[in-house]
């Protein structure tokens, strides 16, 4: 993914912190569910709407990165962020798809 080495290191540290195992598992479950429902395509707006409130939003990006680096998913275009709560609405946002689909 297109981030500098320092940022990538921080994202990797967050993604693999054992203290976040249950949240990361839940995020992955939601991502896979959206992929199954939408023929392998993953829209982060749909994913965000389905993530339970107990999951810290800061863990979502590192989870996407980990899944991408693992070869499970790959970038597949762009959409517009609809996140009003996080004040990211209107910004470009990557979409993904299950690798090989």
N, C-alpha and C. Protein backbone atom coordinates (compact mmCIF):
# COMPACT_ATOMS: atom_id res chain seq x y z
N UNK A 1 0.85 -1.17 0.00
CA UNK A 1 0.00 0.00 0.00
C UNK A 1 0.89 1.23 0.00
N UNK A 2 0.37 2.29 -0.49
CA UNK A 2 1.17 3.49 -0.70
C UNK A 2 1.28 4.35 0.56
N UNK A 3 2.14 3.95 1.45
CA UNK A 3 2.46 4.76 2.64
C UNK A 3 3.96 4.72 2.83
N UNK A 4 4.49 5.73 3.52
CA UNK A 4 5.92 5.73 3.78
C UNK A 4 6.26 4.63 4.79
N UNK A 5 7.53 4.33 4.91
CA UNK A 5 7.98 3.22 5.76
C UNK A 5 7.60 3.41 7.22
N UNK A 6 7.72 4.64 7.72
CA UNK A 6 7.39 4.90 9.12
C UNK A 6 5.90 4.66 9.39
N UNK A 7 5.05 5.20 8.53
CA UNK A 7 3.60 5.01 8.69
C UNK A 7 3.25 3.54 8.56
N UNK A 8 3.85 2.87 7.59
CA UNK A 8 3.60 1.44 7.42
C UNK A 8 3.98 0.64 8.64
N UNK A 9 5.09 0.99 9.26
CA UNK A 9 5.52 0.30 10.49
C UNK A 9 4.52 0.48 11.61
N UNK A 10 4.00 1.70 11.75
CA UNK A 10 2.99 1.95 12.79
C UNK A 10 1.71 1.18 12.52
N UNK A 11 1.26 1.18 11.27
CA UNK A 11 0.04 0.44 10.92
C UNK A 11 0.22 -1.06 11.17
N UNK A 12 1.39 -1.57 10.83
CA UNK A 12 1.66 -3.00 11.06
C UNK A 12 1.69 -3.33 12.55
N UNK A 13 2.27 -2.44 13.33
CA UNK A 13 2.32 -2.64 14.79
C UNK A 13 0.91 -2.69 15.37
N UNK A 14 0.06 -1.76 14.95
CA UNK A 14 -1.33 -1.72 15.42
C UNK A 14 -2.07 -2.98 14.98
N UNK A 15 -1.90 -3.35 13.71
CA UNK A 15 -2.64 -4.49 13.16
C UNK A 15 -2.29 -5.80 13.84
N UNK A 16 -1.07 -5.91 14.34
CA UNK A 16 -0.64 -7.19 14.92
C UNK A 16 -0.53 -7.17 16.44
N UNK A 17 -1.04 -6.13 17.06
CA UNK A 17 -1.04 -6.03 18.52
C UNK A 17 -2.01 -7.08 19.07
N UNK A 18 -1.53 -8.01 19.89
CA UNK A 18 -2.41 -9.06 20.43
C UNK A 18 -3.59 -8.51 21.23
N UNK A 19 -3.47 -7.32 21.75
CA UNK A 19 -4.56 -6.71 22.50
C UNK A 19 -5.77 -6.37 21.65
N UNK A 20 -5.58 -6.40 20.33
CA UNK A 20 -6.67 -6.07 19.41
C UNK A 20 -7.19 -7.28 18.64
N UNK A 21 -6.84 -8.47 19.08
CA UNK A 21 -7.21 -9.68 18.34
C UNK A 21 -8.71 -9.79 18.08
N UNK A 22 -9.52 -9.58 19.09
CA UNK A 22 -10.97 -9.76 18.90
C UNK A 22 -11.54 -8.70 17.97
N UNK A 23 -11.05 -7.47 18.09
CA UNK A 23 -11.53 -6.41 17.20
C UNK A 23 -11.10 -6.68 15.76
N UNK A 24 -9.85 -7.09 15.58
CA UNK A 24 -9.35 -7.38 14.24
C UNK A 24 -10.14 -8.55 13.62
N UNK A 25 -10.43 -9.55 14.40
CA UNK A 25 -11.23 -10.68 13.92
C UNK A 25 -12.61 -10.22 13.48
N UNK A 26 -13.21 -9.32 14.25
CA UNK A 26 -14.54 -8.80 13.90
C UNK A 26 -14.49 -7.98 12.62
N UNK A 27 -13.47 -7.14 12.48
CA UNK A 27 -13.33 -6.33 11.26
C UNK A 27 -13.17 -7.25 10.06
N UNK A 28 -12.32 -8.26 10.17
CA UNK A 28 -12.14 -9.20 9.07
C UNK A 28 -13.43 -9.93 8.74
N UNK A 29 -14.18 -10.32 9.77
CA UNK A 29 -15.47 -11.00 9.54
C UNK A 29 -16.40 -10.12 8.73
N UNK A 30 -16.46 -8.85 9.08
CA UNK A 30 -17.34 -7.91 8.35
C UNK A 30 -16.85 -7.73 6.92
N UNK A 31 -15.54 -7.56 6.74
CA UNK A 31 -14.99 -7.39 5.39
C UNK A 31 -15.30 -8.60 4.52
N UNK A 32 -15.09 -9.81 5.05
CA UNK A 32 -15.39 -11.02 4.28
C UNK A 32 -16.88 -11.13 3.98
N UNK A 33 -17.71 -10.72 4.94
CA UNK A 33 -19.16 -10.76 4.71
C UNK A 33 -19.58 -9.84 3.58
N UNK A 34 -19.03 -8.64 3.56
CA UNK A 34 -19.33 -7.70 2.47
C UNK A 34 -18.83 -8.26 1.15
N UNK A 35 -17.63 -8.82 1.14
CA UNK A 35 -17.08 -9.41 -0.07
C UNK A 35 -17.98 -10.53 -0.61
N UNK A 36 -18.48 -11.36 0.28
CA UNK A 36 -19.37 -12.46 -0.14
C UNK A 36 -20.68 -11.92 -0.71
N UNK A 37 -21.18 -10.89 -0.10
CA UNK A 37 -22.47 -10.31 -0.52
C UNK A 37 -22.36 -9.55 -1.84
N UNK A 38 -21.18 -9.01 -2.14
CA UNK A 38 -21.00 -8.15 -3.32
C UNK A 38 -20.01 -8.74 -4.33
N UNK A 39 -20.05 -10.05 -4.52
CA UNK A 39 -19.24 -10.73 -5.54
C UNK A 39 -17.75 -10.40 -5.46
N UNK A 40 -17.22 -10.37 -4.26
CA UNK A 40 -15.79 -10.16 -4.07
C UNK A 40 -15.38 -8.70 -3.92
N UNK A 41 -16.29 -7.79 -4.15
CA UNK A 41 -15.97 -6.36 -4.02
C UNK A 41 -16.22 -5.89 -2.59
N UNK A 42 -15.35 -4.98 -2.14
CA UNK A 42 -15.42 -4.50 -0.76
C UNK A 42 -15.47 -2.98 -0.78
N UNK A 43 -16.60 -2.43 -0.37
CA UNK A 43 -16.76 -0.97 -0.25
C UNK A 43 -16.62 -0.62 1.22
N UNK A 44 -15.59 0.14 1.57
CA UNK A 44 -15.38 0.49 2.98
C UNK A 44 -16.55 1.23 3.62
N UNK A 45 -17.37 1.91 2.84
CA UNK A 45 -18.54 2.57 3.40
C UNK A 45 -19.53 1.54 3.95
N UNK A 46 -19.69 0.45 3.23
CA UNK A 46 -20.59 -0.62 3.68
C UNK A 46 -19.98 -1.31 4.89
N UNK A 47 -18.68 -1.58 4.83
CA UNK A 47 -17.99 -2.22 5.95
C UNK A 47 -18.14 -1.37 7.20
N UNK A 48 -17.85 -0.08 7.10
CA UNK A 48 -17.91 0.81 8.26
C UNK A 48 -19.30 0.78 8.92
N UNK A 49 -20.34 0.75 8.11
CA UNK A 49 -21.70 0.75 8.65
C UNK A 49 -22.02 -0.53 9.42
N UNK A 50 -21.29 -1.60 9.18
CA UNK A 50 -21.57 -2.89 9.81
C UNK A 50 -20.65 -3.24 10.97
N UNK A 51 -19.63 -2.44 11.19
CA UNK A 51 -18.71 -2.72 12.29
C UNK A 51 -19.35 -2.33 13.61
N UNK A 52 -19.35 -3.22 14.59
CA UNK A 52 -19.98 -2.92 15.88
C UNK A 52 -19.31 -1.75 16.59
N UNK A 53 -20.07 -1.08 17.42
CA UNK A 53 -19.60 0.12 18.12
C UNK A 53 -18.41 -0.16 19.04
N UNK A 54 -18.26 -1.39 19.53
CA UNK A 54 -17.17 -1.68 20.46
C UNK A 54 -15.81 -1.78 19.77
N UNK A 55 -15.79 -1.82 18.44
CA UNK A 55 -14.53 -1.89 17.69
C UNK A 55 -14.01 -0.47 17.47
N UNK A 56 -12.75 -0.25 17.83
CA UNK A 56 -12.13 1.06 17.64
C UNK A 56 -11.94 1.34 16.14
N UNK A 57 -12.44 2.48 15.66
CA UNK A 57 -12.31 2.80 14.23
C UNK A 57 -10.85 2.86 13.76
N UNK A 58 -9.93 3.16 14.67
CA UNK A 58 -8.52 3.28 14.30
C UNK A 58 -7.91 1.93 13.89
N UNK A 59 -8.62 0.83 14.13
CA UNK A 59 -8.10 -0.49 13.79
C UNK A 59 -8.48 -0.94 12.38
N UNK A 60 -9.42 -0.22 11.76
CA UNK A 60 -9.92 -0.64 10.45
C UNK A 60 -8.84 -0.51 9.37
N UNK A 61 -8.20 0.65 9.27
CA UNK A 61 -7.16 0.86 8.25
C UNK A 61 -6.02 -0.14 8.36
N UNK A 62 -5.48 -0.33 9.56
CA UNK A 62 -4.42 -1.33 9.69
C UNK A 62 -4.87 -2.74 9.31
N UNK A 63 -6.14 -3.05 9.53
CA UNK A 63 -6.64 -4.38 9.16
C UNK A 63 -6.69 -4.53 7.64
N UNK A 64 -7.16 -3.49 6.94
CA UNK A 64 -7.13 -3.52 5.47
C UNK A 64 -5.70 -3.71 4.98
N UNK A 65 -4.77 -2.98 5.57
CA UNK A 65 -3.36 -3.08 5.16
C UNK A 65 -2.84 -4.51 5.38
N UNK A 66 -3.12 -5.08 6.54
CA UNK A 66 -2.64 -6.44 6.84
C UNK A 66 -3.23 -7.45 5.85
N UNK A 67 -4.51 -7.30 5.55
CA UNK A 67 -5.15 -8.23 4.61
C UNK A 67 -4.59 -8.05 3.20
N UNK A 68 -4.25 -6.83 2.84
CA UNK A 68 -3.66 -6.57 1.53
C UNK A 68 -2.25 -7.15 1.45
N UNK A 69 -1.44 -6.90 2.48
CA UNK A 69 -0.08 -7.43 2.49
C UNK A 69 -0.05 -8.96 2.53
N UNK A 70 -1.08 -9.55 3.14
CA UNK A 70 -1.17 -11.02 3.19
C UNK A 70 -1.63 -11.60 1.85
N UNK A 71 -2.07 -10.74 0.93
CA UNK A 71 -2.52 -11.22 -0.37
C UNK A 71 -3.96 -11.67 -0.40
N UNK A 72 -4.72 -11.36 0.65
CA UNK A 72 -6.13 -11.76 0.70
C UNK A 72 -7.02 -10.86 -0.14
N UNK A 73 -6.74 -9.56 -0.10
CA UNK A 73 -7.52 -8.58 -0.85
C UNK A 73 -6.55 -7.68 -1.62
N UNK A 74 -7.10 -6.94 -2.59
CA UNK A 74 -6.27 -6.01 -3.35
C UNK A 74 -7.07 -4.75 -3.67
N UNK A 75 -6.38 -3.61 -3.82
CA UNK A 75 -7.07 -2.38 -4.18
C UNK A 75 -7.79 -2.56 -5.51
N UNK A 76 -8.96 -1.92 -5.63
CA UNK A 76 -9.77 -2.11 -6.84
C UNK A 76 -10.54 -0.84 -7.19
N UNK A 77 -9.93 0.30 -7.05
CA UNK A 77 -10.60 1.53 -7.43
C UNK A 77 -10.83 2.46 -6.26
N UNK A 78 -11.73 3.40 -6.49
CA UNK A 78 -11.99 4.45 -5.50
C UNK A 78 -13.48 4.71 -5.38
N UNK A 79 -13.85 5.22 -4.22
CA UNK A 79 -15.21 5.70 -3.98
C UNK A 79 -15.09 6.96 -3.13
N UNK A 80 -16.21 7.56 -2.80
CA UNK A 80 -16.21 8.74 -1.95
C UNK A 80 -16.59 8.32 -0.54
N UNK A 81 -15.80 8.72 0.42
CA UNK A 81 -16.04 8.39 1.82
C UNK A 81 -17.33 9.04 2.30
N UNK A 82 -18.15 8.28 3.00
CA UNK A 82 -19.42 8.80 3.53
C UNK A 82 -19.41 8.92 5.05
N UNK A 83 -18.22 8.91 5.65
CA UNK A 83 -18.07 8.92 7.10
C UNK A 83 -18.24 10.31 7.70
N UNK A 84 -19.46 10.63 8.09
CA UNK A 84 -19.73 11.93 8.72
C UNK A 84 -19.19 11.99 10.14
N UNK A 85 -19.28 10.89 10.86
CA UNK A 85 -18.83 10.85 12.26
C UNK A 85 -17.33 11.09 12.37
N UNK A 86 -16.55 10.50 11.51
CA UNK A 86 -15.10 10.66 11.54
C UNK A 86 -14.61 11.87 10.75
N UNK A 87 -15.53 12.65 10.23
CA UNK A 87 -15.24 13.87 9.47
C UNK A 87 -14.39 13.61 8.23
N UNK A 88 -14.59 12.47 7.63
CA UNK A 88 -13.88 12.15 6.39
C UNK A 88 -14.79 12.17 5.18
N UNK A 89 -16.03 12.56 5.37
CA UNK A 89 -17.01 12.58 4.30
C UNK A 89 -16.52 13.42 3.12
N UNK A 90 -16.70 12.86 1.93
CA UNK A 90 -16.32 13.56 0.72
C UNK A 90 -14.91 13.29 0.24
N UNK A 91 -14.09 12.67 1.07
CA UNK A 91 -12.71 12.38 0.68
C UNK A 91 -12.67 11.10 -0.16
N UNK A 92 -11.70 11.00 -1.07
CA UNK A 92 -11.57 9.74 -1.81
C UNK A 92 -11.16 8.61 -0.88
N UNK A 93 -11.63 7.43 -1.20
CA UNK A 93 -11.39 6.26 -0.36
C UNK A 93 -11.25 5.04 -1.26
N UNK A 94 -10.25 4.22 -0.99
CA UNK A 94 -10.01 3.02 -1.79
C UNK A 94 -11.12 2.00 -1.61
N UNK A 95 -11.40 1.29 -2.68
CA UNK A 95 -12.23 0.10 -2.59
C UNK A 95 -11.31 -1.10 -2.82
N UNK A 96 -11.77 -2.26 -2.43
CA UNK A 96 -10.96 -3.48 -2.54
C UNK A 96 -11.78 -4.58 -3.16
N UNK A 97 -11.10 -5.66 -3.48
CA UNK A 97 -11.76 -6.88 -3.92
C UNK A 97 -10.94 -8.06 -3.44
N UNK A 98 -11.60 -9.19 -3.32
CA UNK A 98 -10.90 -10.41 -2.95
C UNK A 98 -9.91 -10.73 -4.07
N UNK A 99 -8.69 -10.99 -3.72
CA UNK A 99 -7.65 -11.21 -4.72
C UNK A 99 -8.00 -12.43 -5.55
N UNK A 100 -7.87 -12.27 -6.86
CA UNK A 100 -8.15 -13.36 -7.78
C UNK A 100 -9.59 -13.41 -8.27
N UNK A 101 -10.42 -12.51 -7.79
CA UNK A 101 -11.82 -12.51 -8.26
C UNK A 101 -12.07 -11.36 -9.20
